[in-house]
Structure formats: structure tokens, C-alpha cells
Amino acid sequence: MHRTSTTTARTAPLAILVIGLMLAACSSSAGMADVGDQFEGGAPAAAASAASGPNSGATGSGDEEEAPPLAAPIEQRIIKTGEITLEVANVGEALGRVRALAVELGGYVGGSQAGTLEDAATLTLRIPAAGFETALARLHEMDAEVVAESTREQDVTGQVVDLGARIQNLQASEASYRELVARAEEVEDILAVQSRLDQVRGEIEQLTAQLEGIEGQAAMSTLTVTLVPVATPVQATTEGWDPGSQLDQALAALVGIGQGLMNGLIWFGVLWLPVLLVLAAVVLVALRGVLEFRRRMPAPPVVGDERPM
């Protein structure tokens, strides 16, 4: 009985701490919702309350203590992407200029499909967000014609704030679980807390990877540049003409006509010729029968040759 009481006395504080951590997790979830509310509309409300507070300067007294400064505004995160197609006289030369532009703006070429003087080329540029518009402007200044262009912007500030708050709450829970592991004496308690600690650590790593990915996309914009060669009038005229293809089509048409004639002769010799011969024989037999019947019939008497007795 004394041993059971001792075990209960050891595990009771540990159970209380676990319950406290669960309550803290629930309150931290509510705190994340408050952070999102502050991001959406809390800043104007805070500014309004600061302006209408007792230290807003309504009494005009210069001896009053100044109000505490507001929290630093959240830096906006925007993911910028775009595509632009340029028609150039020399694809190879333009390719080198675009690569140099990316390096000049502090970026790099993430991927490319090289082309020659007569083939198109595509480059995927990763450029700092601050230089995205500058890159587009510099591309417009090149000796080239802009064939197509499109840009997109996605505000991910809310996602960054939410992920940061969740990571902080999980890190606080991780620290508490580490304290529990250090204080636990029973093996079962140590294993239970360590399992929960590993789960929290995995969630922190997963959310951190998501946050780093979003931050990377917001920091480095993506611009896809396609370079196509200028088509000369002679090239544009002869581009769709293929003598070999025309010869093949003419021979195919001739063979088709010959096949059609041969098919007609085969059908005529196998089907229609016997039918026509049978029909001709029947007509000839019928015609001979009619002629023979008319020949055997007696001639009618002639009325004008009759004489009185």
C-alpha cells in the first residue's frame, strides 16, 4: 500500500504538467487566430485606439508621458511570377544578354533550353523581388519586339504570419516536453513524453520547410523568357513549301486514281459484265420469239381486192 502511494505521488505532478501543456496548446491555437485577426484588421483598430486613448494629446499637456510605440508593421510577402516572349534577330546573342541581365540584378538562370540562330530558346530567371520590374523594363529596352507578356502577384503575408506563430507555439511546447522528460522517473512516462516530443519536433520541421519555401519564392521572383527568331519575308514564304512533300502527294494522288480505275475494271469484269451478258441473252431470246411469232401469224385479208360473184 505504501508503494502504491509513492508511485501515485510521483506521477501526480507529471500528470498535472501534461494537462497544463494541453491547456496551453489550446490557448496557443486561440492566440494564432488572434494573430490572423490582427493581420487582417487589427492594425487599423490598434491605431484608432491609440489615437483615442488618454495619452493621445487631447489635453494639450506636454508633461504627460508619451504612449508606447505600436508594434512594428508586418513586412508584406508577395510572390511574383511572369512570362515574356521576345522576337529577336539573333537568338544566341540575345541569350547571352538575358543571362548577363539576370546576374547583374543579383539573380541566376534556374533553367534554360538553348537555341541557335534559327531555333527558339527559353530561360527561367530567378531574380530578387525588388528587381522584378527592373528586369521587365530592361527586356523591353532590348532590340527586340515583345510578342507576349504576362505577370502574376500572390500575397502570402498571411501564410507567413500563420506559419511563424504555429512554429513558435510548437517550439514552446517542445521546451516544456523536454523539461518533462528530464523530470520523469518512470520508464513509461519517459517513453510517452518522448513520443509526443518527437511528434512536435516533426511538425516543427515540416512547418519550417513550408515557411522557408514560401519565403524563398517571395524573395526570388520567377521570370520565364522565350526568345524566338525574326522570320524574314523569303523565309516566311518558303517556310511552308516542301517540294518532296508535294511530289509525294502528287504520286499518291496518281496511285489513287490508278487504283480507282483498276477497282472499276475489276468490279465491271467480275460483276457487271456477266450480268449484262445474261441480260443481253434474255433480250435476244425474247426478240427472236416475238419475230418468230409475228412471222407465223396469217396475213389479214385485203378488203380492196374482194370482187362480187
C-alpha atoms as a PDB file:
ATOM      1  CA  MET A   1       0.000   0.000   0.000  1.00  0.00           C
ATOM      2  CA  HIS A   2       2.875   2.306   0.823  1.00  0.00           C
ATOM      3  CA  ARG A   3       4.479   1.523  -2.574  1.00  0.00           C
ATOM      4  CA  THR A   4       1.281   2.413  -4.467  1.00  0.00           C
ATOM      5  CA  SER A   5       1.048   5.729  -2.644  1.00  0.00           C
ATOM      6  CA  THR A   6       4.652   6.516  -3.538  1.00  0.00           C
ATOM      7  CA  THR A   7       4.047   5.817  -7.242  1.00  0.00           C
ATOM      8  CA  THR A   8       0.922   7.964  -7.225  1.00  0.00           C
ATOM      9  CA  ALA A   9       2.806  10.774  -5.543  1.00  0.00           C
ATOM     10  CA  ARG A  10       5.472  10.641  -8.270  1.00  0.00           C
ATOM     11  CA  THR A  11       3.113  10.555 -11.247  1.00  0.00           C
ATOM     12  CA  ALA A  12       0.626  13.131  -9.987  1.00  0.00           C
ATOM     13  CA  PRO A  13       2.850  16.188 -10.699  1.00  0.00           C
ATOM     14  CA  LEU A  14       3.709  14.752 -14.109  1.00  0.00           C
ATOM     15  CA  ALA A  15       0.016  14.314 -14.983  1.00  0.00           C
ATOM     16  CA  ILE A  16      -0.700  17.860 -13.841  1.00  0.00           C
ATOM     17  CA  LEU A  17       2.085  19.172 -16.079  1.00  0.00           C
ATOM     18  CA  VAL A  18       0.751  17.218 -19.072  1.00  0.00           C
ATOM     19  CA  ILE A  19      -2.730  18.621 -18.517  1.00  0.00           C
ATOM     20  CA  GLY A  20      -1.236  22.094 -18.254  1.00  0.00           C
ATOM     21  CA  LEU A  21       0.563  21.618 -21.571  1.00  0.00           C
ATOM     22  CA  MET A  22      -2.687  20.546 -23.237  1.00  0.00           C
ATOM     23  CA  LEU A  23      -4.432  23.658 -21.943  1.00  0.00           C
ATOM     24  CA  ALA A  24      -1.513  25.785 -23.127  1.00  0.00           C
ATOM     25  CA  ALA A  25      -1.782  24.237 -26.596  1.00  0.00           C
ATOM     26  CA  CYS A  26      -5.468  25.122 -26.751  1.00  0.00           C
ATOM     27  CA  SER A  27      -4.780  28.682 -25.694  1.00  0.00           C
ATOM     28  CA  SER A  28      -1.955  28.942 -28.259  1.00  0.00           C
ATOM     29  CA  SER A  29      -4.406  27.951 -31.010  1.00  0.00           C
ATOM     30  CA  ALA A  30      -6.648  30.804 -29.941  1.00  0.00           C
ATOM     31  CA  GLY A  31      -3.582  33.045 -29.969  1.00  0.00           C
ATOM     32  CA  MET A  32      -2.890  32.108 -33.606  1.00  0.00           C
ATOM     33  CA  ALA A  33      -6.424  33.121 -34.507  1.00  0.00           C
ATOM     34  CA  ASP A  34      -5.847  36.460 -32.777  1.00  0.00           C
ATOM     35  CA  VAL A  35      -2.654  36.924 -34.785  1.00  0.00           C
ATOM     36  CA  GLY A  36      -4.570  36.345 -38.015  1.00  0.00           C
ATOM     37  CA  ASP A  37      -7.248  38.830 -36.913  1.00  0.00           C
ATOM     38  CA  GLN A  38      -4.588  41.402 -36.134  1.00  0.00           C
ATOM     39  CA  PHE A  39      -3.071  40.865 -39.581  1.00  0.00           C
ATOM     40  CA  GLU A  40      -6.403  41.314 -41.361  1.00  0.00           C
ATOM     41  CA  GLY A  41      -7.781  44.264 -39.486  1.00  0.00           C
ATOM     42  CA  GLY A  42      -6.068  44.668 -36.153  1.00  0.00           C
ATOM     43  CA  ALA A  43      -3.550  47.311 -37.204  1.00  0.00           C
ATOM     44  CA  PRO A  44      -6.148  49.991 -38.056  1.00  0.00           C
ATOM     45  CA  ALA A  45      -8.032  49.185 -34.831  1.00  0.00           C
ATOM     46  CA  ALA A  46      -4.855  49.494 -32.784  1.00  0.00           C
ATOM     47  CA  ALA A  47      -4.085  52.804 -34.440  1.00  0.00           C
ATOM     48  CA  ALA A  48      -7.596  54.054 -33.722  1.00  0.00           C
ATOM     49  CA  SER A  49      -7.421  53.017 -30.050  1.00  0.00           C
ATOM     50  CA  ALA A  50      -4.028  54.662 -29.695  1.00  0.00           C
ATOM     51  CA  ALA A  51      -5.375  57.868 -31.213  1.00  0.00           C
ATOM     52  CA  SER A  52      -8.409  57.941 -28.862  1.00  0.00           C
ATOM     53  CA  GLY A  53      -6.549  56.889 -25.699  1.00  0.00           C
ATOM     54  CA  PRO A  54      -5.910  59.083 -22.697  1.00  0.00           C
ATOM     55  CA  ASN A  55      -2.358  59.841 -23.802  1.00  0.00           C
ATOM     56  CA  SER A  56      -3.354  60.917 -27.286  1.00  0.00           C
ATOM     57  CA  GLY A  57      -2.575  64.563 -26.538  1.00  0.00           C
ATOM     58  CA  ALA A  58      -6.200  65.774 -26.242  1.00  0.00           C
ATOM     59  CA  THR A  59      -5.410  67.785 -23.065  1.00  0.00           C
ATOM     60  CA  GLY A  60      -2.554  69.529 -24.789  1.00  0.00           C
ATOM     61  CA  SER A  61      -0.197  68.951 -21.845  1.00  0.00           C
ATOM     62  CA  GLY A  62       3.408  68.456 -22.883  1.00  0.00           C
ATOM     63  CA  ASP A  63       4.385  66.930 -19.495  1.00  0.00           C
ATOM     64  CA  GLU A  64       2.362  63.780 -19.982  1.00  0.00           C
ATOM     65  CA  GLU A  65       4.176  60.575 -20.812  1.00  0.00           C
ATOM     66  CA  GLU A  66       4.137  59.573 -24.441  1.00  0.00           C
ATOM     67  CA  ALA A  67       2.126  56.486 -25.460  1.00  0.00           C
ATOM     68  CA  PRO A  68       4.183  53.344 -26.094  1.00  0.00           C
ATOM     69  CA  PRO A  69       5.041  52.855 -29.772  1.00  0.00           C
ATOM     70  CA  LEU A  70       2.919  50.483 -31.799  1.00  0.00           C
ATOM     71  CA  ALA A  71       4.256  47.105 -32.865  1.00  0.00           C
ATOM     72  CA  ALA A  72       6.394  47.085 -35.984  1.00  0.00           C
ATOM     73  CA  PRO A  73       4.283  46.525 -39.125  1.00  0.00           C
ATOM     74  CA  ILE A  74       4.456  43.109 -40.689  1.00  0.00           C
ATOM     75  CA  GLU A  75       6.591  43.015 -43.816  1.00  0.00           C
ATOM     76  CA  GLN A  76       4.472  42.111 -46.813  1.00  0.00           C
ATOM     77  CA  ARG A  77       5.396  38.966 -48.723  1.00  0.00           C
ATOM     78  CA  ILE A  78       4.425  38.791 -52.406  1.00  0.00           C
ATOM     79  CA  ILE A  79       5.321  36.014 -54.855  1.00  0.00           C
ATOM     80  CA  LYS A  80       5.894  37.453 -58.325  1.00  0.00           C
ATOM     81  CA  THR A  81       5.966  35.357 -61.489  1.00  0.00           C
ATOM     82  CA  GLY A  82       5.852  36.270 -65.170  1.00  0.00           C
ATOM     83  CA  GLU A  83       6.407  35.174 -68.757  1.00  0.00           C
ATOM     84  CA  ILE A  84       7.604  37.256 -71.694  1.00  0.00           C
ATOM     85  CA  THR A  85       8.252  36.317 -75.332  1.00  0.00           C
ATOM     86  CA  LEU A  86      10.671  38.390 -77.440  1.00  0.00           C
ATOM     87  CA  GLU A  87      11.256  38.255 -81.184  1.00  0.00           C
ATOM     88  CA  VAL A  88      14.975  38.839 -81.827  1.00  0.00           C
ATOM     89  CA  ALA A  89      17.236  38.891 -84.855  1.00  0.00           C
ATOM     90  CA  ASN A  90      19.938  36.707 -83.260  1.00  0.00           C
ATOM     91  CA  VAL A  91      18.818  34.227 -80.630  1.00  0.00           C
ATOM     92  CA  GLY A  92      22.341  33.348 -79.476  1.00  0.00           C
ATOM     93  CA  GLU A  93      23.325  36.963 -78.861  1.00  0.00           C
ATOM     94  CA  ALA A  94      20.056  37.753 -77.082  1.00  0.00           C
ATOM     95  CA  LEU A  95      20.517  34.627 -74.962  1.00  0.00           C
ATOM     96  CA  GLY A  96      23.823  35.925 -73.640  1.00  0.00           C
ATOM     97  CA  ARG A  97      22.354  39.349 -72.884  1.00  0.00           C
ATOM     98  CA  VAL A  98      19.478  37.865 -70.896  1.00  0.00           C
ATOM     99  CA  ARG A  99      21.871  35.705 -68.870  1.00  0.00           C
ATOM    100  CA  ALA A 100      24.043  38.724 -68.118  1.00  0.00           C
ATOM    101  CA  LEU A 101      20.958  40.701 -67.060  1.00  0.00           C
ATOM    102  CA  ALA A 102      19.990  38.042 -64.530  1.00  0.00           C
ATOM    103  CA  VAL A 103      23.462  38.055 -62.977  1.00  0.00           C
ATOM    104  CA  GLU A 104      23.579  41.868 -62.982  1.00  0.00           C
ATOM    105  CA  LEU A 105      20.350  42.053 -60.965  1.00  0.00           C
ATOM    106  CA  GLY A 106      21.651  39.591 -58.386  1.00  0.00           C
ATOM    107  CA  GLY A 107      19.815  36.547 -59.731  1.00  0.00           C
ATOM    108  CA  TYR A 108      20.633  33.463 -61.737  1.00  0.00           C
ATOM    109  CA  VAL A 109      19.310  31.247 -64.541  1.00  0.00           C
ATOM    110  CA  GLY A 110      17.306  28.433 -62.981  1.00  0.00           C
ATOM    111  CA  GLY A 111      16.869  26.512 -66.239  1.00  0.00           C
ATOM    112  CA  SER A 112      17.277  27.025 -69.962  1.00  0.00           C
ATOM    113  CA  GLN A 113      16.592  25.437 -73.305  1.00  0.00           C
ATOM    114  CA  ALA A 114      19.314  26.785 -75.572  1.00  0.00           C
ATOM    115  CA  GLY A 115      18.633  27.738 -79.172  1.00  0.00           C
ATOM    116  CA  THR A 116      20.604  28.703 -82.270  1.00  0.00           C
ATOM    117  CA  LEU A 117      20.191  31.434 -84.850  1.00  0.00           C
ATOM    118  CA  GLU A 118      17.132  29.728 -86.299  1.00  0.00           C
ATOM    119  CA  ASP A 119      15.727  27.986 -83.192  1.00  0.00           C
ATOM    120  CA  ALA A 120      13.891  29.463 -80.213  1.00  0.00           C
ATOM    121  CA  ALA A 121      15.297  29.446 -76.676  1.00  0.00           C
ATOM    122  CA  THR A 122      13.661  29.563 -73.243  1.00  0.00           C
ATOM    123  CA  LEU A 123      15.229  30.710 -69.966  1.00  0.00           C
ATOM    124  CA  THR A 124      13.830  30.616 -66.418  1.00  0.00           C
ATOM    125  CA  LEU A 125      15.288  33.518 -64.436  1.00  0.00           C
ATOM    126  CA  ARG A 126      15.290  33.741 -60.630  1.00  0.00           C
ATOM    127  CA  ILE A 127      15.561  37.417 -59.755  1.00  0.00           C
ATOM    128  CA  PRO A 128      15.266  39.234 -56.406  1.00  0.00           C
ATOM    129  CA  ALA A 129      11.723  40.527 -55.924  1.00  0.00           C
ATOM    130  CA  ALA A 130      12.951  44.128 -55.801  1.00  0.00           C
ATOM    131  CA  GLY A 131      14.424  43.797 -59.311  1.00  0.00           C
ATOM    132  CA  PHE A 132      11.449  42.069 -60.986  1.00  0.00           C
ATOM    133  CA  GLU A 133      10.037  45.244 -62.583  1.00  0.00           C
ATOM    134  CA  THR A 134      13.555  46.374 -63.477  1.00  0.00           C
ATOM    135  CA  ALA A 135      14.151  43.117 -65.342  1.00  0.00           C
ATOM    136  CA  LEU A 136      10.952  43.555 -67.336  1.00  0.00           C
ATOM    137  CA  ALA A 137      11.854  47.142 -68.176  1.00  0.00           C
ATOM    138  CA  ARG A 138      15.346  46.126 -69.320  1.00  0.00           C
ATOM    139  CA  LEU A 139      13.897  43.385 -71.514  1.00  0.00           C
ATOM    140  CA  HIS A 140      11.591  45.938 -73.123  1.00  0.00           C
ATOM    141  CA  GLU A 141      14.628  48.115 -73.880  1.00  0.00           C
ATOM    142  CA  MET A 142      16.344  45.344 -75.827  1.00  0.00           C
ATOM    143  CA  ASP A 143      16.440  45.478 -79.613  1.00  0.00           C
ATOM    144  CA  ALA A 144      13.527  43.075 -79.833  1.00  0.00           C
ATOM    145  CA  GLU A 145       9.767  43.022 -80.254  1.00  0.00           C
ATOM    146  CA  VAL A 146       7.615  41.908 -77.342  1.00  0.00           C
ATOM    147  CA  VAL A 147       5.268  39.245 -78.711  1.00  0.00           C
ATOM    148  CA  ALA A 148       3.544  38.273 -75.441  1.00  0.00           C
ATOM    149  CA  GLU A 149       3.809  39.184 -71.773  1.00  0.00           C
ATOM    150  CA  SER A 150       2.011  38.199 -68.563  1.00  0.00           C
ATOM    151  CA  THR A 151       2.726  38.745 -64.854  1.00  0.00           C
ATOM    152  CA  ARG A 152       1.121  37.499 -61.634  1.00  0.00           C
ATOM    153  CA  GLU A 153       1.388  38.524 -57.970  1.00  0.00           C
ATOM    154  CA  GLN A 154       0.288  36.451 -54.958  1.00  0.00           C
ATOM    155  CA  ASP A 155       0.191  37.922 -51.462  1.00  0.00           C
ATOM    156  CA  VAL A 156       1.380  35.268 -48.974  1.00  0.00           C
ATOM    157  CA  THR A 157       1.871  37.515 -45.933  1.00  0.00           C
ATOM    158  CA  GLY A 158      -0.957  35.800 -44.059  1.00  0.00           C
ATOM    159  CA  GLN A 159       0.571  32.367 -44.645  1.00  0.00           C
ATOM    160  CA  VAL A 160       3.963  33.556 -43.394  1.00  0.00           C
ATOM    161  CA  VAL A 161       2.458  35.026 -40.208  1.00  0.00           C
ATOM    162  CA  ASP A 162       0.381  31.911 -39.530  1.00  0.00           C
ATOM    163  CA  LEU A 163       3.308  29.523 -40.045  1.00  0.00           C
ATOM    164  CA  GLY A 164       5.579  31.653 -37.848  1.00  0.00           C
ATOM    165  CA  ALA A 165       3.050  31.685 -34.998  1.00  0.00           C
ATOM    166  CA  ARG A 166       2.494  27.933 -35.236  1.00  0.00           C
ATOM    167  CA  ILE A 167       6.241  27.272 -35.178  1.00  0.00           C
ATOM    168  CA  GLN A 168       6.693  29.465 -32.095  1.00  0.00           C
ATOM    169  CA  ASN A 169       3.893  27.684 -30.242  1.00  0.00           C
ATOM    170  CA  LEU A 170       5.300  24.289 -31.151  1.00  0.00           C
ATOM    171  CA  GLN A 171       8.777  25.359 -30.029  1.00  0.00           C
ATOM    172  CA  ALA A 172       7.349  26.405 -26.647  1.00  0.00           C
ATOM    173  CA  SER A 173       5.635  23.017 -26.357  1.00  0.00           C
ATOM    174  CA  GLU A 174       8.898  21.308 -27.303  1.00  0.00           C
ATOM    175  CA  ALA A 175      10.747  23.098 -24.500  1.00  0.00           C
ATOM    176  CA  SER A 176       8.076  22.053 -21.993  1.00  0.00           C
ATOM    177  CA  TYR A 177       8.191  18.438 -23.137  1.00  0.00           C
ATOM    178  CA  ARG A 178      11.964  18.429 -22.747  1.00  0.00           C
ATOM    179  CA  GLU A 179      11.555  19.568 -19.145  1.00  0.00           C
ATOM    180  CA  LEU A 180       9.029  16.772 -18.582  1.00  0.00           C
ATOM    181  CA  VAL A 181      11.445  14.196 -19.993  1.00  0.00           C
ATOM    182  CA  ALA A 182      14.172  15.445 -17.650  1.00  0.00           C
ATOM    183  CA  ARG A 183      11.880  15.270 -14.616  1.00  0.00           C
ATOM    184  CA  ALA A 184      10.147  11.966 -15.395  1.00  0.00           C
ATOM    185  CA  GLU A 185      11.292   8.946 -13.414  1.00  0.00           C
ATOM    186  CA  GLU A 186       9.113   6.124 -14.686  1.00  0.00           C
ATOM    187  CA  VAL A 187      10.104   4.498 -17.998  1.00  0.00           C
ATOM    188  CA  GLU A 188       6.522   4.541 -19.256  1.00  0.00           C
ATOM    189  CA  ASP A 189       6.250   8.288 -18.602  1.00  0.00           C
ATOM    190  CA  ILE A 190       9.566   8.953 -20.312  1.00  0.00           C
ATOM    191  CA  LEU A 191       8.526   6.982 -23.415  1.00  0.00           C
ATOM    192  CA  ALA A 192       5.116   8.687 -23.590  1.00  0.00           C
ATOM    193  CA  VAL A 193       6.571  12.194 -23.322  1.00  0.00           C
ATOM    194  CA  GLN A 194       9.418  11.356 -25.711  1.00  0.00           C
ATOM    195  CA  SER A 195       6.900  10.127 -28.316  1.00  0.00           C
ATOM    196  CA  ARG A 196       4.981  13.379 -28.084  1.00  0.00           C
ATOM    197  CA  LEU A 197       8.271  15.318 -28.220  1.00  0.00           C
ATOM    198  CA  ASP A 198       9.282  13.562 -31.445  1.00  0.00           C
ATOM    199  CA  GLN A 199       5.865  14.334 -32.956  1.00  0.00           C
ATOM    200  CA  VAL A 200       6.172  18.021 -32.073  1.00  0.00           C
ATOM    201  CA  ARG A 201       9.712  18.102 -33.482  1.00  0.00           C
ATOM    202  CA  GLY A 202       8.479  16.621 -36.767  1.00  0.00           C
ATOM    203  CA  GLU A 203       5.695  19.191 -37.013  1.00  0.00           C
ATOM    204  CA  ILE A 204       8.210  21.993 -36.405  1.00  0.00           C
ATOM    205  CA  GLU A 205      10.489  20.714 -39.180  1.00  0.00           C
ATOM    206  CA  GLN A 206       7.565  20.351 -41.601  1.00  0.00           C
ATOM    207  CA  LEU A 207       6.240  23.855 -40.941  1.00  0.00           C
ATOM    208  CA  THR A 208       9.739  25.306 -41.097  1.00  0.00           C
ATOM    209  CA  ALA A 209      10.261  23.758 -44.535  1.00  0.00           C
ATOM    210  CA  GLN A 210       6.950  25.236 -45.737  1.00  0.00           C
ATOM    211  CA  LEU A 211       7.885  28.645 -44.364  1.00  0.00           C
ATOM    212  CA  GLU A 212      11.323  28.560 -45.975  1.00  0.00           C
ATOM    213  CA  GLY A 213       9.774  27.563 -49.303  1.00  0.00           C
ATOM    214  CA  ILE A 214       7.299  30.452 -49.257  1.00  0.00           C
ATOM    215  CA  GLU A 215       9.969  32.887 -48.117  1.00  0.00           C
ATOM    216  CA  GLY A 216      12.237  31.718 -50.937  1.00  0.00           C
ATOM    217  CA  GLN A 217       9.544  32.171 -53.577  1.00  0.00           C
ATOM    218  CA  ALA A 218       8.737  35.643 -52.241  1.00  0.00           C
ATOM    219  CA  ALA A 219      12.405  36.659 -52.077  1.00  0.00           C
ATOM    220  CA  MET A 220      13.317  35.399 -55.562  1.00  0.00           C
ATOM    221  CA  SER A 221      10.787  36.053 -58.324  1.00  0.00           C
ATOM    222  CA  THR A 222      10.477  33.759 -61.347  1.00  0.00           C
ATOM    223  CA  LEU A 223      10.557  35.194 -64.871  1.00  0.00           C
ATOM    224  CA  THR A 224      10.391  32.927 -67.932  1.00  0.00           C
ATOM    225  CA  VAL A 225      11.894  34.499 -71.076  1.00  0.00           C
ATOM    226  CA  THR A 226      11.296  32.969 -74.517  1.00  0.00           C
ATOM    227  CA  LEU A 227      13.398  34.148 -77.468  1.00  0.00           C
ATOM    228  CA  VAL A 228      12.129  33.463 -80.990  1.00  0.00           C
ATOM    229  CA  PRO A 229      13.968  34.402 -84.220  1.00  0.00           C
ATOM    230  CA  VAL A 230      12.581  37.022 -86.574  1.00  0.00           C
ATOM    231  CA  ALA A 231      11.115  35.420 -89.725  1.00  0.00           C
ATOM    232  CA  THR A 232      12.323  37.087 -92.969  1.00  0.00           C
ATOM    233  CA  PRO A 233       9.797  37.543 -95.861  1.00  0.00           C
ATOM    234  CA  VAL A 234      11.540  34.931 -98.044  1.00  0.00           C
ATOM    235  CA  GLN A 235      11.770  32.565 -95.114  1.00  0.00           C
ATOM    236  CA  ALA A 236       8.131  33.146 -94.225  1.00  0.00           C
ATOM    237  CA  THR A 237       7.134  32.429 -97.842  1.00  0.00           C
ATOM    238  CA  THR A 238       9.230  29.286 -98.268  1.00  0.00           C
ATOM    239  CA  GLU A 239       8.730  28.056 -94.722  1.00  0.00           C
ATOM    240  CA  GLY A 240       5.619  26.049 -95.556  1.00  0.00           C
ATOM    241  CA  TRP A 241       6.775  24.826 -99.007  1.00  0.00           C
ATOM    242  CA  ASP A 242       8.248  21.332 -99.226  1.00  0.00           C
ATOM    243  CA  PRO A 243       8.926  20.045-102.788  1.00  0.00           C
ATOM    244  CA  GLY A 244       9.437  16.498-101.591  1.00  0.00           C
ATOM    245  CA  SER A 245       6.128  16.544 -99.786  1.00  0.00           C
ATOM    246  CA  GLN A 246       4.351  17.946-102.837  1.00  0.00           C
ATOM    247  CA  LEU A 247       5.900  15.211-105.047  1.00  0.00           C
ATOM    248  CA  ASP A 248       4.802  12.554-102.592  1.00  0.00           C
ATOM    249  CA  GLN A 249       1.276  13.953-102.570  1.00  0.00           C
ATOM    250  CA  ALA A 250       1.142  14.051-106.397  1.00  0.00           C
ATOM    251  CA  LEU A 251       2.373  10.448-106.652  1.00  0.00           C
ATOM    252  CA  ALA A 252      -0.115   9.405-104.022  1.00  0.00           C
ATOM    253  CA  ALA A 253      -2.917  11.078-105.980  1.00  0.00           C
ATOM    254  CA  LEU A 254      -1.779   9.337-109.216  1.00  0.00           C
ATOM    255  CA  VAL A 255      -1.655   5.994-107.471  1.00  0.00           C
ATOM    256  CA  GLY A 256      -5.084   6.655-106.044  1.00  0.00           C
ATOM    257  CA  ILE A 257      -6.511   7.383-109.497  1.00  0.00           C
ATOM    258  CA  GLY A 258      -4.909   4.207-110.904  1.00  0.00           C
ATOM    259  CA  GLN A 259      -6.273   2.174-108.031  1.00  0.00           C
ATOM    260  CA  GLY A 260      -9.716   3.605-108.638  1.00  0.00           C
ATOM    261  CA  LEU A 261      -9.594   2.666-112.338  1.00  0.00           C
ATOM    262  CA  MET A 262      -8.374  -0.841-111.581  1.00  0.00           C
ATOM    263  CA  ASN A 263     -11.072  -1.266-108.950  1.00  0.00           C
ATOM    264  CA  GLY A 264     -13.696  -0.177-111.506  1.00  0.00           C
ATOM    265  CA  LEU A 265     -12.389  -2.638-114.102  1.00  0.00           C
ATOM    266  CA  ILE A 266     -12.360  -5.469-111.559  1.00  0.00           C
ATOM    267  CA  TRP A 267     -15.916  -4.753-110.472  1.00  0.00           C
ATOM    268  CA  PHE A 268     -17.040  -4.452-114.112  1.00  0.00           C
ATOM    269  CA  GLY A 269     -15.379  -7.711-115.184  1.00  0.00           C
ATOM    270  CA  VAL A 270     -16.499  -9.729-112.160  1.00  0.00           C
ATOM    271  CA  LEU A 271     -19.980  -8.359-111.543  1.00  0.00           C
ATOM    272  CA  TRP A 272     -21.405  -6.154-114.246  1.00  0.00           C
ATOM    273  CA  LEU A 273     -20.113  -7.959-117.374  1.00  0.00           C
ATOM    274  CA  PRO A 274     -21.781 -11.298-116.546  1.00  0.00           C
ATOM    275  CA  VAL A 275     -24.992  -9.516-115.590  1.00  0.00           C
ATOM    276  CA  LEU A 276     -25.003  -7.532-118.833  1.00  0.00           C
ATOM    277  CA  LEU A 277     -24.291 -10.677-120.890  1.00  0.00           C
ATOM    278  CA  VAL A 278     -27.187 -12.505-119.247  1.00  0.00           C
ATOM    279  CA  LEU A 279     -29.491  -9.543-119.825  1.00  0.00           C
ATOM    280  CA  ALA A 280     -28.380  -9.300-123.476  1.00  0.00           C
ATOM    281  CA  ALA A 281     -29.043 -13.018-123.999  1.00  0.00           C
ATOM    282  CA  VAL A 282     -32.509 -12.722-122.467  1.00  0.00           C
ATOM    283  CA  VAL A 283     -33.310  -9.709-124.669  1.00  0.00           C
ATOM    284  CA  LEU A 284     -32.119 -11.511-127.796  1.00  0.00           C
ATOM    285  CA  VAL A 285     -34.185 -14.614-127.000  1.00  0.00           C
ATOM    286  CA  ALA A 286     -37.260 -12.513-126.349  1.00  0.00           C
ATOM    287  CA  LEU A 287     -36.754 -10.530-129.532  1.00  0.00           C
ATOM    288  CA  ARG A 288     -36.376 -13.696-131.659  1.00  0.00           C
ATOM    289  CA  GLY A 289     -39.501 -15.156-130.077  1.00  0.00           C
ATOM    290  CA  VAL A 290     -41.505 -12.044-130.921  1.00  0.00           C
ATOM    291  CA  LEU A 291     -40.236 -12.050-134.510  1.00  0.00           C
ATOM    292  CA  GLU A 292     -40.985 -15.765-134.946  1.00  0.00           C
ATOM    293  CA  PHE A 293     -44.462 -15.326-133.528  1.00  0.00           C
ATOM    294  CA  ARG A 294     -45.219 -12.465-135.893  1.00  0.00           C
ATOM    295  CA  ARG A 295     -43.871 -14.421-138.863  1.00  0.00           C
ATOM    296  CA  ARG A 296     -46.106 -17.408-138.221  1.00  0.00           C
ATOM    297  CA  MET A 297     -49.282 -15.381-137.858  1.00  0.00           C
ATOM    298  CA  PRO A 298     -51.550 -15.456-141.047  1.00  0.00           C
ATOM    299  CA  ALA A 299     -51.704 -12.316-143.068  1.00  0.00           C
ATOM    300  CA  PRO A 300     -55.023 -10.454-142.744  1.00  0.00           C
ATOM    301  CA  PRO A 301     -57.253 -10.331-145.909  1.00  0.00           C
ATOM    302  CA  VAL A 302     -57.118  -7.227-148.039  1.00  0.00           C
ATOM    303  CA  VAL A 303     -60.541  -5.572-148.216  1.00  0.00           C
ATOM    304  CA  GLY A 304     -59.962  -3.734-151.512  1.00  0.00           C
ATOM    305  CA  ASP A 305     -59.299  -6.937-153.508  1.00  0.00           C
ATOM    306  CA  GLU A 306     -62.684  -8.581-152.841  1.00  0.00           C
ATOM    307  CA  ARG A 307     -64.885  -8.978-156.098  1.00  0.00           C
ATOM    308  CA  PRO A 308     -68.661  -9.741-156.415  1.00  0.00           C
ATOM    309  CA  MET A 309     -69.608 -13.256-157.576  1.00  0.00           C
END
